[in-house]
Amino acid sequence: ATIAGSRLVKRSSLYRTAPVGFADQPDFI
């Protein structure tokens, strides 16, 4: 929302997902 010349107009919920590619790491939000 602070990027000059831009404004945030919508946002999604947060989602937990397993990593893609390199699997030996924590899940992502």
PDB file of all heavy atoms in Angstrom:
ATOM      1  N   ALA A   1       0.813  -1.213   0.000  1.00  0.00           N
ATOM      2  CA  ALA A   1       0.000   0.000   0.000  1.00  0.00           C
ATOM      3  C   ALA A   1       0.850   1.267   0.000  1.00  0.00           C
ATOM      4  O   ALA A   1       0.321   2.356  -0.234  1.00  0.00           O
ATOM      5  CB  ALA A   1      -0.944  -0.004   1.200  1.00  0.00           C
ATOM      6  N   THR A   2       2.157   1.141   0.251  1.00  0.00           N
ATOM      7  CA  THR A   2       3.036   2.315   0.300  1.00  0.00           C
ATOM      8  C   THR A   2       3.826   2.544  -0.986  1.00  0.00           C
ATOM      9  O   THR A   2       4.565   3.521  -1.079  1.00  0.00           O
ATOM     10  CB  THR A   2       4.039   2.205   1.465  1.00  0.00           C
ATOM     11  OG1 THR A   2       4.991   1.173   1.189  1.00  0.00           O
ATOM     12  CG2 THR A   2       3.331   1.922   2.785  1.00  0.00           C
ATOM     13  N   ILE A   3       3.691   1.654  -1.966  1.00  0.00           N
ATOM     14  CA  ILE A   3       4.441   1.819  -3.218  1.00  0.00           C
ATOM     15  C   ILE A   3       3.930   3.071  -3.931  1.00  0.00           C
ATOM     16  O   ILE A   3       2.729   3.205  -4.190  1.00  0.00           O
ATOM     17  CB  ILE A   3       4.306   0.585  -4.126  1.00  0.00           C
ATOM     18  CG1 ILE A   3       4.934  -0.649  -3.458  1.00  0.00           C
ATOM     19  CG2 ILE A   3       4.943   0.836  -5.488  1.00  0.00           C
ATOM     20  CD1 ILE A   3       4.706  -1.941  -4.228  1.00  0.00           C
ATOM     21  N   ALA A   4       4.836   3.968  -4.252  1.00  0.00           N
ATOM     22  CA  ALA A   4       4.471   5.228  -4.927  1.00  0.00           C
ATOM     23  C   ALA A   4       3.731   4.930  -6.223  1.00  0.00           C
ATOM     24  O   ALA A   4       4.101   4.027  -6.970  1.00  0.00           O
ATOM     25  CB  ALA A   4       5.718   6.044  -5.213  1.00  0.00           C
ATOM     26  N   GLY A   5       2.672   5.688  -6.465  1.00  0.00           N
ATOM     27  CA  GLY A   5       1.908   5.535  -7.694  1.00  0.00           C
ATOM     28  C   GLY A   5       1.041   4.284  -7.721  1.00  0.00           C
ATOM     29  O   GLY A   5       0.581   3.881  -8.784  1.00  0.00           O
ATOM     30  N   SER A   6       0.821   3.701  -6.564  1.00  0.00           N
ATOM     31  CA  SER A   6       0.071   2.443  -6.485  1.00  0.00           C
ATOM     32  C   SER A   6      -0.822   2.448  -5.259  1.00  0.00           C
ATOM     33  O   SER A   6      -0.569   3.158  -4.292  1.00  0.00           O
ATOM     34  CB  SER A   6       1.035   1.253  -6.378  1.00  0.00           C
ATOM     35  OG  SER A   6       1.967   1.249  -7.424  1.00  0.00           O
ATOM     36  N   ARG A   7      -1.859   1.624  -5.317  1.00  0.00           N
ATOM     37  CA  ARG A   7      -2.669   1.423  -4.121  1.00  0.00           C
ATOM     38  C   ARG A   7      -3.185  -0.008  -4.107  1.00  0.00           C
ATOM     39  O   ARG A   7      -3.510  -0.572  -5.165  1.00  0.00           O
ATOM     40  CB  ARG A   7      -3.805   2.425  -4.024  1.00  0.00           C
ATOM     41  CG  ARG A   7      -4.877   2.314  -5.053  1.00  0.00           C
ATOM     42  CD  ARG A   7      -5.914   3.450  -4.905  1.00  0.00           C
ATOM     43  NE  ARG A   7      -6.934   3.327  -5.906  1.00  0.00           N
ATOM     44  CZ  ARG A   7      -8.128   2.755  -5.701  1.00  0.00           C
ATOM     45  NH1 ARG A   7      -8.447   2.310  -4.513  1.00  0.00           N
ATOM     46  NH2 ARG A   7      -9.007   2.669  -6.678  1.00  0.00           N
ATOM     47  N   LEU A   8      -3.233  -0.576  -2.925  1.00  0.00           N
ATOM     48  CA  LEU A   8      -3.759  -1.921  -2.737  1.00  0.00           C
ATOM     49  C   LEU A   8      -5.278  -1.842  -2.812  1.00  0.00           C
ATOM     50  O   LEU A   8      -5.895  -1.070  -2.081  1.00  0.00           O
ATOM     51  CB  LEU A   8      -3.309  -2.465  -1.372  1.00  0.00           C
ATOM     52  CG  LEU A   8      -3.735  -3.881  -1.022  1.00  0.00           C
ATOM     53  CD1 LEU A   8      -3.057  -4.897  -1.941  1.00  0.00           C
ATOM     54  CD2 LEU A   8      -3.386  -4.181   0.436  1.00  0.00           C
ATOM     55  N   VAL A   9      -5.881  -2.618  -3.711  1.00  0.00           N
ATOM     56  CA  VAL A   9      -7.330  -2.553  -3.870  1.00  0.00           C
ATOM     57  C   VAL A   9      -8.045  -3.813  -3.383  1.00  0.00           C
ATOM     58  O   VAL A   9      -9.236  -3.765  -3.085  1.00  0.00           O
ATOM     59  CB  VAL A   9      -7.744  -2.231  -5.327  1.00  0.00           C
ATOM     60  CG1 VAL A   9      -7.312  -0.815  -5.699  1.00  0.00           C
ATOM     61  CG2 VAL A   9      -7.193  -3.229  -6.320  1.00  0.00           C
ATOM     62  N   LYS A  10      -7.335  -4.944  -3.287  1.00  0.00           N
ATOM     63  CA  LYS A  10      -7.914  -6.193  -2.787  1.00  0.00           C
ATOM     64  C   LYS A  10      -6.803  -7.066  -2.263  1.00  0.00           C
ATOM     65  O   LYS A  10      -5.666  -6.986  -2.732  1.00  0.00           O
ATOM     66  CB  LYS A  10      -8.625  -6.964  -3.906  1.00  0.00           C
ATOM     67  CG  LYS A  10     -10.069  -6.716  -4.030  1.00  0.00           C
ATOM     68  CD  LYS A  10     -10.685  -7.714  -4.999  1.00  0.00           C
ATOM     69  CE  LYS A  10     -12.126  -7.325  -5.234  1.00  0.00           C
ATOM     70  NZ  LYS A  10     -12.746  -8.073  -6.290  1.00  0.00           N
ATOM     71  N   ARG A  11      -7.181  -7.920  -1.304  1.00  0.00           N
ATOM     72  CA  ARG A  11      -6.218  -8.886  -0.795  1.00  0.00           C
ATOM     73  C   ARG A  11      -6.931 -10.185  -0.465  1.00  0.00           C
ATOM     74  O   ARG A  11      -8.081 -10.174  -0.052  1.00  0.00           O
ATOM     75  CB  ARG A  11      -5.491  -8.347   0.424  1.00  0.00           C
ATOM     76  CG  ARG A  11      -6.403  -7.901   1.533  1.00  0.00           C
ATOM     77  CD  ARG A  11      -5.714  -7.766   2.855  1.00  0.00           C
ATOM     78  NE  ARG A  11      -5.444  -9.089   3.401  1.00  0.00           N
ATOM     79  CZ  ARG A  11      -4.714  -9.308   4.477  1.00  0.00           C
ATOM     80  NH1 ARG A  11      -4.176  -8.313   5.126  1.00  0.00           N
ATOM     81  NH2 ARG A  11      -4.513 -10.527   4.924  1.00  0.00           N
ATOM     82  N   SER A  12      -6.225 -11.271  -0.656  1.00  0.00           N
ATOM     83  CA  SER A  12      -6.801 -12.578  -0.365  1.00  0.00           C
ATOM     84  C   SER A  12      -6.595 -12.938   1.098  1.00  0.00           C
ATOM     85  O   SER A  12      -5.885 -12.254   1.841  1.00  0.00           O
ATOM     86  CB  SER A  12      -6.137 -13.652  -1.238  1.00  0.00           C
ATOM     87  OG  SER A  12      -4.828 -13.952  -0.757  1.00  0.00           O
ATOM     88  N   SER A  13      -7.194 -14.043   1.472  1.00  0.00           N
ATOM     89  CA  SER A  13      -6.893 -14.674   2.751  1.00  0.00           C
ATOM     90  C   SER A  13      -5.472 -15.222   2.693  1.00  0.00           C
ATOM     91  O   SER A  13      -4.841 -15.246   1.636  1.00  0.00           O
ATOM     92  CB  SER A  13      -7.863 -15.840   2.987  1.00  0.00           C
ATOM     93  OG  SER A  13      -9.186 -15.406   2.962  1.00  0.00           O
ATOM     94  N   LEU A  14      -4.998 -15.694   3.836  1.00  0.00           N
ATOM     95  CA  LEU A  14      -3.701 -16.364   3.894  1.00  0.00           C
ATOM     96  C   LEU A  14      -3.920 -17.860   3.730  1.00  0.00           C
ATOM     97  O   LEU A  14      -4.918 -18.407   4.202  1.00  0.00           O
ATOM     98  CB  LEU A  14      -3.005 -16.086   5.227  1.00  0.00           C
ATOM     99  CG  LEU A  14      -2.783 -14.625   5.607  1.00  0.00           C
ATOM    100  CD1 LEU A  14      -1.962 -14.535   6.895  1.00  0.00           C
ATOM    101  CD2 LEU A  14      -2.123 -13.841   4.491  1.00  0.00           C
ATOM    102  N   TYR A  15      -2.968 -18.510   3.080  1.00  0.00           N
ATOM    103  CA  TYR A  15      -3.046 -19.947   2.809  1.00  0.00           C
ATOM    104  C   TYR A  15      -1.728 -20.610   3.186  1.00  0.00           C
ATOM    105  O   TYR A  15      -0.655 -20.075   2.895  1.00  0.00           O
ATOM    106  CB  TYR A  15      -3.321 -20.196   1.321  1.00  0.00           C
ATOM    107  CG  TYR A  15      -4.683 -19.731   0.881  1.00  0.00           C
ATOM    108  CD1 TYR A  15      -4.899 -18.408   0.523  1.00  0.00           C
ATOM    109  CD2 TYR A  15      -5.754 -20.612   0.842  1.00  0.00           C
ATOM    110  CE1 TYR A  15      -6.150 -17.971   0.130  1.00  0.00           C
ATOM    111  CE2 TYR A  15      -7.017 -20.179   0.447  1.00  0.00           C
ATOM    112  CZ  TYR A  15      -7.204 -18.857   0.091  1.00  0.00           C
ATOM    113  OH  TYR A  15      -8.450 -18.420  -0.294  1.00  0.00           O
ATOM    114  N   ARG A  16      -1.819 -21.792   3.796  1.00  0.00           N
ATOM    115  CA  ARG A  16      -0.630 -22.590   4.106  1.00  0.00           C
ATOM    116  C   ARG A  16      -0.465 -23.634   3.002  1.00  0.00           C
ATOM    117  O   ARG A  16      -1.428 -24.315   2.635  1.00  0.00           O
ATOM    118  CB  ARG A  16      -0.772 -23.302   5.447  1.00  0.00           C
ATOM    119  CG  ARG A  16       0.464 -24.111   5.840  1.00  0.00           C
ATOM    120  CD  ARG A  16       0.311 -24.925   7.113  1.00  0.00           C
ATOM    121  NE  ARG A  16      -0.568 -24.353   8.106  1.00  0.00           N
ATOM    122  CZ  ARG A  16      -0.242 -23.406   9.002  1.00  0.00           C
ATOM    123  NH1 ARG A  16       0.983 -22.905   8.988  1.00  0.00           N
ATOM    124  NH2 ARG A  16      -1.116 -22.980   9.879  1.00  0.00           N
ATOM    125  N   THR A  17       0.773 -23.739   2.483  1.00  0.00           N
ATOM    126  CA  THR A  17       1.055 -24.691   1.409  1.00  0.00           C
ATOM    127  C   THR A  17       2.422 -25.323   1.620  1.00  0.00           C
ATOM    128  O   THR A  17       3.310 -24.724   2.233  1.00  0.00           O
ATOM    129  CB  THR A  17       1.037 -24.002   0.028  1.00  0.00           C
ATOM    130  OG1 THR A  17       2.056 -22.999  -0.020  1.00  0.00           O
ATOM    131  CG2 THR A  17      -0.306 -23.355  -0.258  1.00  0.00           C
ATOM    132  N   ALA A  18       2.569 -26.510   1.089  1.00  0.00           N
ATOM    133  CA  ALA A  18       3.860 -27.194   1.125  1.00  0.00           C
ATOM    134  C   ALA A  18       4.809 -26.531   0.117  1.00  0.00           C
ATOM    135  O   ALA A  18       4.359 -25.980  -0.891  1.00  0.00           O
ATOM    136  CB  ALA A  18       3.677 -28.667   0.778  1.00  0.00           C
ATOM    137  N   PRO A  19       6.107 -26.583   0.390  1.00  0.00           N
ATOM    138  CA  PRO A  19       7.062 -26.003  -0.555  1.00  0.00           C
ATOM    139  C   PRO A  19       7.064 -26.749  -1.891  1.00  0.00           C
ATOM    140  O   PRO A  19       6.765 -27.948  -1.939  1.00  0.00           O
ATOM    141  CB  PRO A  19       8.407 -26.128   0.156  1.00  0.00           C
ATOM    142  CG  PRO A  19       8.213 -27.158   1.218  1.00  0.00           C
ATOM    143  CD  PRO A  19       6.758 -27.171   1.553  1.00  0.00           C
ATOM    144  N   VAL A  20       7.400 -26.042  -2.962  1.00  0.00           N
ATOM    145  CA  VAL A  20       7.517 -26.617  -4.304  1.00  0.00           C
ATOM    146  C   VAL A  20       8.978 -26.511  -4.714  1.00  0.00           C
ATOM    147  O   VAL A  20       9.633 -25.502  -4.462  1.00  0.00           O
ATOM    148  CB  VAL A  20       6.623 -25.846  -5.310  1.00  0.00           C
ATOM    149  CG1 VAL A  20       6.859 -26.321  -6.732  1.00  0.00           C
ATOM    150  CG2 VAL A  20       5.158 -25.992  -4.932  1.00  0.00           C
ATOM    151  N   GLY A  21       9.482 -27.548  -5.345  1.00  0.00           N
ATOM    152  CA  GLY A  21      10.889 -27.541  -5.756  1.00  0.00           C
ATOM    153  C   GLY A  21      11.759 -28.123  -4.665  1.00  0.00           C
ATOM    154  O   GLY A  21      11.845 -29.336  -4.513  1.00  0.00           O
ATOM    155  N   PHE A  22      12.372 -27.271  -3.864  1.00  0.00           N
ATOM    156  CA  PHE A  22      13.195 -27.696  -2.734  1.00  0.00           C
ATOM    157  C   PHE A  22      12.261 -27.995  -1.562  1.00  0.00           C
ATOM    158  O   PHE A  22      11.703 -27.091  -0.954  1.00  0.00           O
ATOM    159  CB  PHE A  22      14.198 -26.587  -2.387  1.00  0.00           C
ATOM    160  CG  PHE A  22      15.067 -26.898  -1.204  1.00  0.00           C
ATOM    161  CD1 PHE A  22      15.954 -27.961  -1.230  1.00  0.00           C
ATOM    162  CD2 PHE A  22      14.991 -26.125  -0.062  1.00  0.00           C
ATOM    163  CE1 PHE A  22      16.758 -28.236  -0.126  1.00  0.00           C
ATOM    164  CE2 PHE A  22      15.788 -26.391   1.043  1.00  0.00           C
ATOM    165  CZ  PHE A  22      16.674 -27.456   1.006  1.00  0.00           C
ATOM    166  N   ALA A  23      12.085 -29.299  -1.255  1.00  0.00           N
ATOM    167  CA  ALA A  23      11.068 -29.711  -0.284  1.00  0.00           C
ATOM    168  C   ALA A  23      11.524 -29.663   1.169  1.00  0.00           C
ATOM    169  O   ALA A  23      10.691 -29.632   2.074  1.00  0.00           O
ATOM    170  CB  ALA A  23      10.583 -31.123  -0.619  1.00  0.00           C
ATOM    171  N   ASP A  24      12.827 -29.652   1.429  1.00  0.00           N
ATOM    172  CA  ASP A  24      13.341 -29.716   2.805  1.00  0.00           C
ATOM    173  C   ASP A  24      13.367 -28.323   3.435  1.00  0.00           C
ATOM    174  O   ASP A  24      14.445 -27.756   3.681  1.00  0.00           O
ATOM    175  CB  ASP A  24      14.728 -30.358   2.804  1.00  0.00           C
ATOM    176  CG  ASP A  24      15.238 -30.630   4.216  1.00  0.00           C
ATOM    177  OD1 ASP A  24      14.410 -30.689   5.156  1.00  0.00           O
ATOM    178  OD2 ASP A  24      16.470 -30.760   4.389  1.00  0.00           O
ATOM    179  N   GLN A  25      12.186 -27.779   3.663  1.00  0.00           N
ATOM    180  CA  GLN A  25      12.047 -26.460   4.260  1.00  0.00           C
ATOM    181  C   GLN A  25      10.637 -26.346   4.835  1.00  0.00           C
ATOM    182  O   GLN A  25       9.776 -27.157   4.520  1.00  0.00           O
ATOM    183  CB  GLN A  25      12.326 -25.352   3.237  1.00  0.00           C
ATOM    184  CG  GLN A  25      11.385 -25.338   2.045  1.00  0.00           C
ATOM    185  CD  GLN A  25      11.720 -24.228   1.063  1.00  0.00           C
ATOM    186  OE1 GLN A  25      11.970 -23.104   1.445  1.00  0.00           O
ATOM    187  NE2 GLN A  25      11.724 -24.568  -0.225  1.00  0.00           N
ATOM    188  N   PRO A  26      10.400 -25.331   5.675  1.00  0.00           N
ATOM    189  CA  PRO A  26       9.066 -25.182   6.278  1.00  0.00           C
ATOM    190  C   PRO A  26       7.992 -24.877   5.229  1.00  0.00           C
ATOM    191  O   PRO A  26       8.285 -24.394   4.131  1.00  0.00           O
ATOM    192  CB  PRO A  26       9.233 -23.979   7.215  1.00  0.00           C
ATOM    193  CG  PRO A  26      10.697 -23.784   7.382  1.00  0.00           C
ATOM    194  CD  PRO A  26      11.356 -24.333   6.154  1.00  0.00           C
ATOM    195  N   ASP A  27       6.736 -25.154   5.610  1.00  0.00           N
ATOM    196  CA  ASP A  27       5.604 -24.782   4.767  1.00  0.00           C
ATOM    197  C   ASP A  27       5.584 -23.267   4.552  1.00  0.00           C
ATOM    198  O   ASP A  27       6.134 -22.504   5.350  1.00  0.00           O
ATOM    199  CB  ASP A  27       4.281 -25.192   5.416  1.00  0.00           C
ATOM    200  CG  ASP A  27       4.017 -26.690   5.310  1.00  0.00           C
ATOM    201  OD1 ASP A  27       4.754 -27.390   4.586  1.00  0.00           O
ATOM    202  OD2 ASP A  27       3.065 -27.148   5.962  1.00  0.00           O
ATOM    203  N   PHE A  28       4.922 -22.862   3.484  1.00  0.00           N
ATOM    204  CA  PHE A  28       4.785 -21.448   3.142  1.00  0.00           C
ATOM    205  C   PHE A  28       3.428 -20.915   3.568  1.00  0.00           C
ATOM    206  O   PHE A  28       2.442 -21.644   3.631  1.00  0.00           O
ATOM    207  CB  PHE A  28       4.921 -21.241   1.627  1.00  0.00           C
ATOM    208  CG  PHE A  28       6.327 -21.161   1.152  1.00  0.00           C
ATOM    209  CD1 PHE A  28       7.057 -22.317   0.914  1.00  0.00           C
ATOM    210  CD2 PHE A  28       6.944 -19.935   0.963  1.00  0.00           C
ATOM    211  CE1 PHE A  28       8.362 -22.251   0.491  1.00  0.00           C
ATOM    212  CE2 PHE A  28       8.254 -19.861   0.540  1.00  0.00           C
ATOM    213  CZ  PHE A  28       8.972 -21.024   0.295  1.00  0.00           C
ATOM    214  N   ILE A  29       3.385 -19.631   3.810  1.00  0.00           N
ATOM    215  CA  ILE A  29       2.144 -18.878   3.884  1.00  0.00           C
ATOM    216  C   ILE A  29       2.112 -18.057   2.592  1.00  0.00           C
ATOM    217  O   ILE A  29       3.081 -17.374   2.264  1.00  0.00           O
ATOM    218  CB  ILE A  29       2.070 -17.954   5.121  1.00  0.00           C
ATOM    219  CG1 ILE A  29       2.209 -18.760   6.408  1.00  0.00           C
ATOM    220  CG2 ILE A  29       0.778 -17.147   5.099  1.00  0.00           C
ATOM    221  CD1 ILE A  29       1.135 -19.808   6.646  1.00  0.00           C
TER     222      ILE A  29
END
